[in-house]
Amino acid sequence: MTDTPARLLNLLSLLQTPREWPGSELAERLGVSSRTIRRDIERLRDLGYPVQATMGAEGGYRLAAGAALPPLVLDDEEAVAIAVGLRAGAGHAVEGIEEASVRALAKLEQVLPARLRHRVSALQAATVPLTGGDGATVDPHTLTVIASAATGHERLRFAYRKGDGTETKRLVEPHRLISTGRRWYLVAHDVERDDWRTFRVDRVSEPFATGARFAPRELPVPDAAEYLKRSMAGLQPTYRLVVTFHAPAESVAARLPNWLGVPEPVDATTCRLDVTASDSVEWVALRLAIVDCEFEAHEPRELVDHLRELGARISRAATTARP
């Protein structure tokens, strides 16, 4: 193999398998001399790949973990597997990795060959995920189109369905995608309305980047998350939610969704949630009930009344059920 760049990529692909390669085996695989392998190893090191060498008659090489992640070389199956996994993490808002999944997926799909892109789409279309999330799922393709447009500062067109079912066409300058753990939101500057807007991504359809570049605008607040928070607060009424849980704060926090807030410890076996909420009291009541510990709801009064009615309804259902 006389093409040095191609040989280096093949060498890197071999080294990325979790094993140690004798220099002679690498030379045989690539059809070059052991001396050429040693030179290529040095080239990879110069490029930032941490290749370790072991002493001995044969001499072995392996790719070690480094301080930074170098570029990876993936075969077709590996690329498809990663793309499908990222789509699952992005499309169903897996808490903690959803935004990173979208960024990584946008980068991968940008360079994915058409034949592999078709395989990824076909595999996802034939798969039904079993998810336990509270929010609406979104099309990963929609997320990656939006993410790529935001990163590349390209204006974006899409169809948008408002809360009342009205369909509109929008032209925006996308700023940031935000996951709340339940839903995805896009913070963008609406070109035709000449104002900042937030959009629920599960209501977005047919997005496409126009190719028209724009100079990034400055938000009227410190960051996109704060803008989304203020925007949502202005759209729906809020109330003070106060609940005491008879369980350690750590265990309660693990059962509560992030959007509902984080309880503060009172002592080793009790914690208290005191936050501003905007979700319906019916929905909050259900989320509190599955925390799986004793609790008292103090505020708002509507929540207390609903819990009392819900408890009575559940008790009646249990007593009238046939054995």
C-alpha atoms as a PDB file:
ATOM      1  CA  MET A   1       0.000   0.000   0.000  1.00  0.00           C
ATOM      2  CA  THR A   2       1.849   3.082  -1.254  1.00  0.00           C
ATOM      3  CA  ASP A   3      -0.810   5.723  -0.486  1.00  0.00           C
ATOM      4  CA  THR A   4       0.396   7.092   2.859  1.00  0.00           C
ATOM      5  CA  PRO A   5      -2.886   8.771   3.990  1.00  0.00           C
ATOM      6  CA  ALA A   6      -4.886   5.649   3.140  1.00  0.00           C
ATOM      7  CA  ARG A   7      -2.320   3.454   4.887  1.00  0.00           C
ATOM      8  CA  LEU A   8      -2.455   5.627   8.017  1.00  0.00           C
ATOM      9  CA  LEU A   9      -6.247   5.396   8.121  1.00  0.00           C
ATOM     10  CA  ASN A  10      -6.080   1.608   7.793  1.00  0.00           C
ATOM     11  CA  LEU A  11      -3.405   1.437  10.473  1.00  0.00           C
ATOM     12  CA  LEU A  12      -5.514   3.597  12.762  1.00  0.00           C
ATOM     13  CA  SER A  13      -8.550   1.409  12.157  1.00  0.00           C
ATOM     14  CA  LEU A  14      -6.559  -1.663  13.223  1.00  0.00           C
ATOM     15  CA  LEU A  15      -5.147   0.029  16.317  1.00  0.00           C
ATOM     16  CA  GLN A  16      -8.605   1.059  17.471  1.00  0.00           C
ATOM     17  CA  THR A  17      -9.554  -2.572  18.063  1.00  0.00           C
ATOM     18  CA  PRO A  18      -8.985  -3.471  21.759  1.00  0.00           C
ATOM     19  CA  ARG A  19      -5.848  -5.601  21.391  1.00  0.00           C
ATOM     20  CA  GLU A  20      -2.084  -5.306  21.015  1.00  0.00           C
ATOM     21  CA  TRP A  21      -0.708  -5.632  17.497  1.00  0.00           C
ATOM     22  CA  PRO A  22       2.809  -7.028  16.851  1.00  0.00           C
ATOM     23  CA  GLY A  23       4.671  -4.823  14.403  1.00  0.00           C
ATOM     24  CA  SER A  24       5.230  -7.752  12.057  1.00  0.00           C
ATOM     25  CA  GLU A  25       1.479  -8.487  11.884  1.00  0.00           C
ATOM     26  CA  LEU A  26       0.688  -4.862  11.122  1.00  0.00           C
ATOM     27  CA  ALA A  27       3.331  -4.865   8.387  1.00  0.00           C
ATOM     28  CA  GLU A  28       1.860  -8.025   6.874  1.00  0.00           C
ATOM     29  CA  ARG A  29      -1.704  -6.673   7.035  1.00  0.00           C
ATOM     30  CA  LEU A  30      -0.730  -3.439   5.283  1.00  0.00           C
ATOM     31  CA  GLY A  31       1.825  -4.937   2.885  1.00  0.00           C
ATOM     32  CA  VAL A  32       4.732  -2.777   4.033  1.00  0.00           C
ATOM     33  CA  SER A  33       7.954  -3.212   5.982  1.00  0.00           C
ATOM     34  CA  SER A  34       8.268  -3.069   9.777  1.00  0.00           C
ATOM     35  CA  ARG A  35      10.339   0.087   9.335  1.00  0.00           C
ATOM     36  CA  THR A  36       7.425   1.738   7.500  1.00  0.00           C
ATOM     37  CA  ILE A  37       5.104   0.714  10.344  1.00  0.00           C
ATOM     38  CA  ARG A  38       7.420   2.400  12.869  1.00  0.00           C
ATOM     39  CA  ARG A  39       7.446   5.599  10.805  1.00  0.00           C
ATOM     40  CA  ASP A  40       3.641   5.510  10.479  1.00  0.00           C
ATOM     41  CA  ILE A  41       3.284   5.039  14.238  1.00  0.00           C
ATOM     42  CA  GLU A  42       5.335   8.202  14.746  1.00  0.00           C
ATOM     43  CA  ARG A  43       3.132  10.055  12.242  1.00  0.00           C
ATOM     44  CA  LEU A  44       0.043   9.040  14.229  1.00  0.00           C
ATOM     45  CA  ARG A  45       1.648  10.236  17.445  1.00  0.00           C
ATOM     46  CA  ASP A  46       2.455  13.565  15.804  1.00  0.00           C
ATOM     47  CA  LEU A  47      -1.252  13.845  14.925  1.00  0.00           C
ATOM     48  CA  GLY A  48      -2.213  13.369  18.571  1.00  0.00           C
ATOM     49  CA  TYR A  49      -3.002   9.663  18.688  1.00  0.00           C
ATOM     50  CA  PRO A  50      -1.564   8.098  21.891  1.00  0.00           C
ATOM     51  CA  VAL A  51      -0.023   4.919  20.458  1.00  0.00           C
ATOM     52  CA  GLN A  52       1.779   2.852  23.088  1.00  0.00           C
ATOM     53  CA  ALA A  53       4.620   0.478  22.189  1.00  0.00           C
ATOM     54  CA  THR A  54       5.863  -2.545  24.135  1.00  0.00           C
ATOM     55  CA  MET A  55       9.427  -3.796  24.019  1.00  0.00           C
ATOM     56  CA  GLY A  56      10.394  -7.266  22.829  1.00  0.00           C
ATOM     57  CA  ALA A  57      11.453  -9.252  19.823  1.00  0.00           C
ATOM     58  CA  GLU A  58       8.209  -8.616  18.042  1.00  0.00           C
ATOM     59  CA  GLY A  59       7.270  -5.293  19.567  1.00  0.00           C
ATOM     60  CA  GLY A  60       3.594  -4.531  19.988  1.00  0.00           C
ATOM     61  CA  TYR A  61       1.406  -1.472  19.551  1.00  0.00           C
ATOM     62  CA  ARG A  62      -1.933  -0.431  20.994  1.00  0.00           C
ATOM     63  CA  LEU A  63      -3.987   2.766  21.061  1.00  0.00           C
ATOM     64  CA  ALA A  64      -4.184   4.081  24.619  1.00  0.00           C
ATOM     65  CA  ALA A  65      -6.597   6.524  26.205  1.00  0.00           C
ATOM     66  CA  GLY A  66      -5.476  10.131  25.820  1.00  0.00           C
ATOM     67  CA  ALA A  67      -6.250  13.470  27.437  1.00  0.00           C
ATOM     68  CA  ALA A  68      -8.416  14.410  24.426  1.00  0.00           C
ATOM     69  CA  LEU A  69     -10.473  12.271  22.084  1.00  0.00           C
ATOM     70  CA  PRO A  70      -8.783  12.000  18.681  1.00  0.00           C
ATOM     71  CA  PRO A  71     -10.773  11.449  15.461  1.00  0.00           C
ATOM     72  CA  LEU A  72     -12.105   7.900  15.136  1.00  0.00           C
ATOM     73  CA  VAL A  73     -12.195   5.677  12.076  1.00  0.00           C
ATOM     74  CA  LEU A  74     -15.431   3.661  11.900  1.00  0.00           C
ATOM     75  CA  ASP A  75     -16.455   0.853   9.605  1.00  0.00           C
ATOM     76  CA  ASP A  76     -19.977   0.762   8.140  1.00  0.00           C
ATOM     77  CA  GLU A  77     -21.524  -1.339  10.908  1.00  0.00           C
ATOM     78  CA  GLU A  78     -19.970   0.777  13.660  1.00  0.00           C
ATOM     79  CA  ALA A  79     -21.172   4.011  12.054  1.00  0.00           C
ATOM     80  CA  VAL A  80     -24.727   2.668  11.699  1.00  0.00           C
ATOM     81  CA  ALA A  81     -24.755   1.430  15.309  1.00  0.00           C
ATOM     82  CA  ILE A  82     -23.577   4.777  16.669  1.00  0.00           C
ATOM     83  CA  ALA A  83     -26.025   6.758  14.542  1.00  0.00           C
ATOM     84  CA  VAL A  84     -28.967   4.600  15.671  1.00  0.00           C
ATOM     85  CA  GLY A  85     -27.911   4.935  19.312  1.00  0.00           C
ATOM     86  CA  LEU A  86     -27.558   8.703  19.031  1.00  0.00           C
ATOM     87  CA  ARG A  87     -30.953   8.967  17.353  1.00  0.00           C
ATOM     88  CA  ALA A  88     -32.502   7.058  20.242  1.00  0.00           C
ATOM     89  CA  GLY A  89     -30.826   9.293  22.804  1.00  0.00           C
ATOM     90  CA  ALA A  90     -31.785  12.462  20.965  1.00  0.00           C
ATOM     91  CA  GLY A  91     -35.288  11.587  19.842  1.00  0.00           C
ATOM     92  CA  HIS A  92     -36.510  10.420  23.218  1.00  0.00           C
ATOM     93  CA  ALA A  93     -34.778  13.011  25.380  1.00  0.00           C
ATOM     94  CA  VAL A  94     -32.762  10.622  27.535  1.00  0.00           C
ATOM     95  CA  GLU A  95     -32.026  12.786  30.538  1.00  0.00           C
ATOM     96  CA  GLY A  96     -28.468  14.046  30.729  1.00  0.00           C
ATOM     97  CA  ILE A  97     -27.302  13.114  27.213  1.00  0.00           C
ATOM     98  CA  GLU A  98     -29.967  14.504  24.900  1.00  0.00           C
ATOM     99  CA  GLU A  99     -28.212  17.716  23.837  1.00  0.00           C
ATOM    100  CA  ALA A 100     -24.831  16.010  23.428  1.00  0.00           C
ATOM    101  CA  SER A 101     -26.563  13.292  21.376  1.00  0.00           C
ATOM    102  CA  VAL A 102     -27.973  15.878  18.975  1.00  0.00           C
ATOM    103  CA  ARG A 103     -24.608  17.619  18.521  1.00  0.00           C
ATOM    104  CA  ALA A 104     -22.818  14.333  17.889  1.00  0.00           C
ATOM    105  CA  LEU A 105     -25.566  13.070  15.587  1.00  0.00           C
ATOM    106  CA  ALA A 106     -25.487  16.255  13.519  1.00  0.00           C
ATOM    107  CA  LYS A 107     -21.730  15.859  13.027  1.00  0.00           C
ATOM    108  CA  LEU A 108     -22.006  12.173  12.142  1.00  0.00           C
ATOM    109  CA  GLU A 109     -24.925  12.483   9.708  1.00  0.00           C
ATOM    110  CA  GLN A 110     -23.166  15.328   7.912  1.00  0.00           C
ATOM    111  CA  VAL A 111     -20.465  12.917   6.749  1.00  0.00           C
ATOM    112  CA  LEU A 112     -22.467   9.692   6.678  1.00  0.00           C
ATOM    113  CA  PRO A 113     -22.588   8.182   3.149  1.00  0.00           C
ATOM    114  CA  ALA A 114     -26.022   7.976   1.563  1.00  0.00           C
ATOM    115  CA  ARG A 115     -26.043   4.166   1.687  1.00  0.00           C
ATOM    116  CA  LEU A 116     -25.459   4.209   5.453  1.00  0.00           C
ATOM    117  CA  ARG A 117     -27.949   7.017   6.025  1.00  0.00           C
ATOM    118  CA  HIS A 118     -30.564   4.840   4.336  1.00  0.00           C
ATOM    119  CA  ARG A 119     -29.671   1.882   6.568  1.00  0.00           C
ATOM    120  CA  VAL A 120     -29.957   4.002   9.709  1.00  0.00           C
ATOM    121  CA  SER A 121     -33.373   5.338   8.668  1.00  0.00           C
ATOM    122  CA  ALA A 122     -34.616   1.874   7.732  1.00  0.00           C
ATOM    123  CA  LEU A 123     -33.479   0.381  11.030  1.00  0.00           C
ATOM    124  CA  GLN A 124     -35.092   3.123  13.054  1.00  0.00           C
ATOM    125  CA  ALA A 125     -38.339   2.876  11.075  1.00  0.00           C
ATOM    126  CA  ALA A 126     -38.508  -0.853  11.817  1.00  0.00           C
ATOM    127  CA  THR A 127     -37.849  -0.410  15.538  1.00  0.00           C
ATOM    128  CA  VAL A 128     -40.439   0.460  18.171  1.00  0.00           C
ATOM    129  CA  PRO A 129     -38.794   1.910  21.308  1.00  0.00           C
ATOM    130  CA  LEU A 130     -40.242   1.242  24.753  1.00  0.00           C
ATOM    131  CA  THR A 131     -39.695   4.501  26.603  1.00  0.00           C
ATOM    132  CA  GLY A 132     -40.817   5.733  29.967  1.00  0.00           C
ATOM    133  CA  GLY A 133     -40.353   9.425  29.448  1.00  0.00           C
ATOM    134  CA  ASP A 134     -43.003  12.013  30.220  1.00  0.00           C
ATOM    135  CA  GLY A 135     -42.551  14.172  27.149  1.00  0.00           C
ATOM    136  CA  ALA A 136     -43.399  13.916  23.498  1.00  0.00           C
ATOM    137  CA  THR A 137     -40.855  12.204  21.284  1.00  0.00           C
ATOM    138  CA  VAL A 138     -39.404  14.089  18.341  1.00  0.00           C
ATOM    139  CA  ASP A 139     -37.976  13.082  14.990  1.00  0.00           C
ATOM    140  CA  PRO A 140     -34.158  12.951  15.310  1.00  0.00           C
ATOM    141  CA  HIS A 141     -33.907  14.189  11.713  1.00  0.00           C
ATOM    142  CA  THR A 142     -35.760  17.339  12.754  1.00  0.00           C
ATOM    143  CA  LEU A 143     -33.344  17.834  15.637  1.00  0.00           C
ATOM    144  CA  THR A 144     -30.238  17.381  13.484  1.00  0.00           C
ATOM    145  CA  VAL A 145     -31.499  19.750  10.777  1.00  0.00           C
ATOM    146  CA  ILE A 146     -32.178  22.420  13.402  1.00  0.00           C
ATOM    147  CA  ALA A 147     -28.877  21.804  15.187  1.00  0.00           C
ATOM    148  CA  SER A 148     -26.889  22.014  11.953  1.00  0.00           C
ATOM    149  CA  ALA A 149     -28.637  25.250  10.951  1.00  0.00           C
ATOM    150  CA  ALA A 150     -27.984  26.793  14.358  1.00  0.00           C
ATOM    151  CA  THR A 151     -24.320  25.773  14.296  1.00  0.00           C
ATOM    152  CA  GLY A 152     -23.830  26.978  10.721  1.00  0.00           C
ATOM    153  CA  HIS A 153     -25.833  30.218  11.261  1.00  0.00           C
ATOM    154  CA  GLU A 154     -28.280  29.357   8.453  1.00  0.00           C
ATOM    155  CA  ARG A 155     -31.846  30.593   8.298  1.00  0.00           C
ATOM    156  CA  LEU A 156     -34.379  27.826   8.777  1.00  0.00           C
ATOM    157  CA  ARG A 157     -37.869  27.308   7.333  1.00  0.00           C
ATOM    158  CA  PHE A 158     -40.413  24.942   8.836  1.00  0.00           C
ATOM    159  CA  ALA A 159     -44.106  24.317   9.365  1.00  0.00           C
ATOM    160  CA  TYR A 160     -45.304  24.901  12.906  1.00  0.00           C
ATOM    161  CA  ARG A 161     -48.452  23.728  14.642  1.00  0.00           C
ATOM    162  CA  LYS A 162     -49.529  26.060  17.435  1.00  0.00           C
ATOM    163  CA  GLY A 163     -51.221  24.897  20.625  1.00  0.00           C
ATOM    164  CA  ASP A 164     -54.675  25.559  19.198  1.00  0.00           C
ATOM    165  CA  GLY A 165     -53.901  23.459  16.113  1.00  0.00           C
ATOM    166  CA  THR A 166     -53.284  26.387  13.758  1.00  0.00           C
ATOM    167  CA  GLU A 167     -50.640  25.643  11.113  1.00  0.00           C
ATOM    168  CA  THR A 168     -48.150  28.382  10.217  1.00  0.00           C
ATOM    169  CA  LYS A 169     -44.983  28.689   8.134  1.00  0.00           C
ATOM    170  CA  ARG A 170     -41.948  30.145   9.876  1.00  0.00           C
ATOM    171  CA  LEU A 171     -38.624  31.584   8.756  1.00  0.00           C
ATOM    172  CA  VAL A 172     -36.232  31.882  11.684  1.00  0.00           C
ATOM    173  CA  GLU A 173     -32.627  32.396  12.647  1.00  0.00           C
ATOM    174  CA  PRO A 174     -32.066  29.431  15.009  1.00  0.00           C
ATOM    175  CA  HIS A 175     -30.129  30.223  18.167  1.00  0.00           C
ATOM    176  CA  ARG A 176     -30.194  27.205  20.498  1.00  0.00           C
ATOM    177  CA  LEU A 177     -31.919  23.860  21.047  1.00  0.00           C
ATOM    178  CA  ILE A 178     -32.873  23.218  24.663  1.00  0.00           C
ATOM    179  CA  SER A 179     -34.055  20.005  26.290  1.00  0.00           C
ATOM    180  CA  THR A 180     -36.049  20.291  29.500  1.00  0.00           C
ATOM    181  CA  GLY A 181     -36.050  16.528  30.051  1.00  0.00           C
ATOM    182  CA  ARG A 182     -39.688  16.405  28.926  1.00  0.00           C
ATOM    183  CA  ARG A 183     -39.611  18.332  25.663  1.00  0.00           C
ATOM    184  CA  TRP A 184     -37.275  19.933  23.144  1.00  0.00           C
ATOM    185  CA  TYR A 185     -37.530  23.662  22.472  1.00  0.00           C
ATOM    186  CA  LEU A 186     -35.959  25.896  19.845  1.00  0.00           C
ATOM    187  CA  VAL A 187     -35.045  29.463  20.754  1.00  0.00           C
ATOM    188  CA  ALA A 188     -34.866  31.480  17.543  1.00  0.00           C
ATOM    189  CA  HIS A 189     -35.317  34.947  16.083  1.00  0.00           C
ATOM    190  CA  ASP A 190     -38.465  34.998  13.939  1.00  0.00           C
ATOM    191  CA  VAL A 191     -37.509  36.912  10.792  1.00  0.00           C
ATOM    192  CA  GLU A 192     -41.024  37.875   9.675  1.00  0.00           C
ATOM    193  CA  ARG A 193     -42.130  38.931  13.173  1.00  0.00           C
ATOM    194  CA  ASP A 194     -38.770  40.551  13.937  1.00  0.00           C
ATOM    195  CA  ASP A 195     -38.755  39.170  17.468  1.00  0.00           C
ATOM    196  CA  TRP A 196     -37.434  36.288  19.541  1.00  0.00           C
ATOM    197  CA  ARG A 197     -39.636  33.208  19.842  1.00  0.00           C
ATOM    198  CA  THR A 198     -39.615  29.745  21.399  1.00  0.00           C
ATOM    199  CA  PHE A 199     -40.932  26.719  19.502  1.00  0.00           C
ATOM    200  CA  ARG A 200     -41.777  23.234  20.722  1.00  0.00           C
ATOM    201  CA  VAL A 201     -39.800  20.948  18.440  1.00  0.00           C
ATOM    202  CA  ASP A 202     -42.435  18.185  18.531  1.00  0.00           C
ATOM    203  CA  ARG A 203     -44.714  20.677  16.738  1.00  0.00           C
ATOM    204  CA  VAL A 204     -42.129  21.440  14.034  1.00  0.00           C
ATOM    205  CA  SER A 205     -42.351  19.651  10.679  1.00  0.00           C
ATOM    206  CA  GLU A 206     -40.631  19.846   7.293  1.00  0.00           C
ATOM    207  CA  PRO A 207     -37.596  21.813   8.503  1.00  0.00           C
ATOM    208  CA  PHE A 208     -34.926  22.756   5.980  1.00  0.00           C
ATOM    209  CA  ALA A 209     -31.953  25.086   6.027  1.00  0.00           C
ATOM    210  CA  THR A 210     -32.294  27.788   3.352  1.00  0.00           C
ATOM    211  CA  GLY A 211     -28.565  28.258   2.858  1.00  0.00           C
ATOM    212  CA  ALA A 212     -28.895  31.970   3.688  1.00  0.00           C
ATOM    213  CA  ARG A 213     -26.362  32.893   6.358  1.00  0.00           C
ATOM    214  CA  PHE A 214     -27.061  35.328   9.169  1.00  0.00           C
ATOM    215  CA  ALA A 215     -25.006  37.176  11.759  1.00  0.00           C
ATOM    216  CA  PRO A 216     -25.841  35.828  15.245  1.00  0.00           C
ATOM    217  CA  ARG A 217     -27.994  38.185  17.304  1.00  0.00           C
ATOM    218  CA  GLU A 218     -27.660  38.845  21.007  1.00  0.00           C
ATOM    219  CA  LEU A 219     -30.454  37.533  23.190  1.00  0.00           C
ATOM    220  CA  PRO A 220     -32.281  40.047  25.401  1.00  0.00           C
ATOM    221  CA  VAL A 221     -31.387  37.868  28.425  1.00  0.00           C
ATOM    222  CA  PRO A 222     -28.093  36.231  29.517  1.00  0.00           C
ATOM    223  CA  ASP A 223     -28.684  32.847  27.831  1.00  0.00           C
ATOM    224  CA  ALA A 224     -31.185  30.740  25.922  1.00  0.00           C
ATOM    225  CA  ALA A 225     -32.226  28.671  28.952  1.00  0.00           C
ATOM    226  CA  GLU A 226     -33.175  31.817  30.852  1.00  0.00           C
ATOM    227  CA  TYR A 227     -35.109  33.121  27.841  1.00  0.00           C
ATOM    228  CA  LEU A 228     -37.038  29.845  27.596  1.00  0.00           C
ATOM    229  CA  LYS A 229     -37.818  29.940  31.307  1.00  0.00           C
ATOM    230  CA  ARG A 230     -39.172  33.494  31.101  1.00  0.00           C
ATOM    231  CA  SER A 231     -41.074  32.730  27.916  1.00  0.00           C
ATOM    232  CA  MET A 232     -42.793  29.709  29.448  1.00  0.00           C
ATOM    233  CA  ALA A 233     -43.599  31.639  32.599  1.00  0.00           C
ATOM    234  CA  GLY A 234     -45.373  34.264  30.517  1.00  0.00           C
ATOM    235  CA  LEU A 235     -47.495  31.694  28.686  1.00  0.00           C
ATOM    236  CA  GLN A 236     -49.009  29.858  31.627  1.00  0.00           C
ATOM    237  CA  PRO A 237     -49.925  30.666  35.248  1.00  0.00           C
ATOM    238  CA  THR A 238     -47.528  29.612  37.980  1.00  0.00           C
ATOM    239  CA  TYR A 239     -48.033  28.674  41.607  1.00  0.00           C
ATOM    240  CA  ARG A 240     -45.963  27.821  44.659  1.00  0.00           C
ATOM    241  CA  LEU A 241     -45.535  24.068  45.154  1.00  0.00           C
ATOM    242  CA  VAL A 242     -44.649  22.977  48.705  1.00  0.00           C
ATOM    243  CA  VAL A 243     -44.386  19.278  49.586  1.00  0.00           C
ATOM    244  CA  THR A 244     -42.740  17.428  52.490  1.00  0.00           C
ATOM    245  CA  PHE A 245     -41.390  13.925  51.756  1.00  0.00           C
ATOM    246  CA  HIS A 246     -40.611  11.376  54.471  1.00  0.00           C
ATOM    247  CA  ALA A 247     -37.524  10.002  52.781  1.00  0.00           C
ATOM    248  CA  PRO A 248     -33.910  11.144  52.258  1.00  0.00           C
ATOM    249  CA  ALA A 249     -33.484  13.971  49.770  1.00  0.00           C
ATOM    250  CA  GLU A 250     -31.211  11.886  47.550  1.00  0.00           C
ATOM    251  CA  SER A 251     -33.747   9.105  47.053  1.00  0.00           C
ATOM    252  CA  VAL A 252     -36.604  11.546  46.409  1.00  0.00           C
ATOM    253  CA  ALA A 253     -34.530  13.553  43.914  1.00  0.00           C
ATOM    254  CA  ALA A 254     -33.771  10.323  42.025  1.00  0.00           C
ATOM    255  CA  ARG A 255     -37.518   9.683  41.603  1.00  0.00           C
ATOM    256  CA  LEU A 256     -38.603  13.230  40.786  1.00  0.00           C
ATOM    257  CA  PRO A 257     -38.141  14.617  37.251  1.00  0.00           C
ATOM    258  CA  ASN A 258     -35.786  17.596  37.019  1.00  0.00           C
ATOM    259  CA  TRP A 259     -38.528  19.849  35.681  1.00  0.00           C
ATOM    260  CA  LEU A 260     -40.410  19.501  38.975  1.00  0.00           C
ATOM    261  CA  GLY A 261     -37.531  20.763  41.096  1.00  0.00           C
ATOM    262  CA  VAL A 262     -34.970  19.497  43.602  1.00  0.00           C
ATOM    263  CA  PRO A 263     -35.959  18.836  47.247  1.00  0.00           C
ATOM    264  CA  GLU A 264     -33.883  20.249  50.096  1.00  0.00           C
ATOM    265  CA  PRO A 265     -33.032  17.994  53.067  1.00  0.00           C
ATOM    266  CA  VAL A 266     -34.716  18.776  56.385  1.00  0.00           C
ATOM    267  CA  ASP A 267     -32.947  15.951  58.220  1.00  0.00           C
ATOM    268  CA  ALA A 268     -31.588  12.513  57.352  1.00  0.00           C
ATOM    269  CA  THR A 269     -35.046  11.059  56.674  1.00  0.00           C
ATOM    270  CA  THR A 270     -37.092  14.080  55.548  1.00  0.00           C
ATOM    271  CA  CYS A 271     -36.883  16.610  52.724  1.00  0.00           C
ATOM    272  CA  ARG A 272     -38.968  19.480  51.423  1.00  0.00           C
ATOM    273  CA  LEU A 273     -39.780  20.697  47.923  1.00  0.00           C
ATOM    274  CA  ASP A 274     -40.525  24.426  47.682  1.00  0.00           C
ATOM    275  CA  VAL A 275     -40.550  25.623  44.076  1.00  0.00           C
ATOM    276  CA  THR A 276     -42.504  27.606  41.531  1.00  0.00           C
ATOM    277  CA  ALA A 277     -44.434  25.286  39.220  1.00  0.00           C
ATOM    278  CA  SER A 278     -46.633  25.739  36.177  1.00  0.00           C
ATOM    279  CA  ASP A 279     -47.786  22.224  35.298  1.00  0.00           C
ATOM    280  CA  SER A 280     -51.369  21.162  35.956  1.00  0.00           C
ATOM    281  CA  VAL A 281     -52.070  20.015  39.515  1.00  0.00           C
ATOM    282  CA  GLU A 282     -53.437  16.756  38.090  1.00  0.00           C
ATOM    283  CA  TRP A 283     -50.097  15.995  36.451  1.00  0.00           C
ATOM    284  CA  VAL A 284     -48.095  17.028  39.528  1.00  0.00           C
ATOM    285  CA  ALA A 285     -50.281  14.829  41.736  1.00  0.00           C
ATOM    286  CA  LEU A 286     -49.482  11.782  39.618  1.00  0.00           C
ATOM    287  CA  ARG A 287     -45.758  12.507  39.685  1.00  0.00           C
ATOM    288  CA  LEU A 288     -45.805  12.913  43.474  1.00  0.00           C
ATOM    289  CA  ALA A 289     -47.718   9.671  43.916  1.00  0.00           C
ATOM    290  CA  ILE A 290     -45.072   7.562  42.165  1.00  0.00           C
ATOM    291  CA  VAL A 291     -42.179   8.862  44.261  1.00  0.00           C
ATOM    292  CA  ASP A 292     -42.938   5.823  46.450  1.00  0.00           C
ATOM    293  CA  CYS A 293     -42.754   7.373  49.915  1.00  0.00           C
ATOM    294  CA  GLU A 294     -45.037   9.114  52.387  1.00  0.00           C
ATOM    295  CA  PHE A 295     -45.525  12.832  51.716  1.00  0.00           C
ATOM    296  CA  GLU A 296     -47.712  15.808  52.618  1.00  0.00           C
ATOM    297  CA  ALA A 297     -48.715  18.469  50.124  1.00  0.00           C
ATOM    298  CA  HIS A 298     -49.004  21.932  51.683  1.00  0.00           C
ATOM    299  CA  GLU A 299     -49.483  24.210  48.660  1.00  0.00           C
ATOM    300  CA  PRO A 300     -51.292  24.985  46.441  1.00  0.00           C
ATOM    301  CA  ARG A 301     -54.758  24.342  47.853  1.00  0.00           C
ATOM    302  CA  GLU A 302     -55.920  23.016  44.444  1.00  0.00           C
ATOM    303  CA  LEU A 303     -53.270  20.277  44.639  1.00  0.00           C
ATOM    304  CA  VAL A 304     -54.265  19.326  48.173  1.00  0.00           C
ATOM    305  CA  ASP A 305     -57.925  19.043  47.160  1.00  0.00           C
ATOM    306  CA  HIS A 306     -57.078  17.032  44.049  1.00  0.00           C
ATOM    307  CA  LEU A 307     -54.906  14.597  46.019  1.00  0.00           C
ATOM    308  CA  ARG A 308     -57.749  14.084  48.485  1.00  0.00           C
ATOM    309  CA  GLU A 309     -60.196  13.341  45.660  1.00  0.00           C
ATOM    310  CA  LEU A 310     -57.676  11.135  43.856  1.00  0.00           C
ATOM    311  CA  GLY A 311     -56.978   9.151  47.018  1.00  0.00           C
ATOM    312  CA  ALA A 312     -60.669   8.576  47.646  1.00  0.00           C
ATOM    313  CA  ARG A 313     -61.170   7.492  44.033  1.00  0.00           C
ATOM    314  CA  ILE A 314     -58.303   5.016  44.202  1.00  0.00           C
ATOM    315  CA  SER A 315     -59.584   3.646  47.539  1.00  0.00           C
ATOM    316  CA  ARG A 316     -63.015   3.070  46.050  1.00  0.00           C
ATOM    317  CA  ALA A 317     -61.467   1.315  43.080  1.00  0.00           C
ATOM    318  CA  ALA A 318     -59.536  -1.001  45.405  1.00  0.00           C
ATOM    319  CA  THR A 319     -62.523  -1.874  47.641  1.00  0.00           C
ATOM    320  CA  THR A 320     -64.890  -2.557  44.741  1.00  0.00           C
ATOM    321  CA  ALA A 321     -62.450  -4.687  42.787  1.00  0.00           C
ATOM    322  CA  ARG A 322     -63.236  -8.384  42.669  1.00  0.00           C
ATOM    323  CA  PRO A 323     -60.736 -10.711  44.363  1.00  0.00           C
END
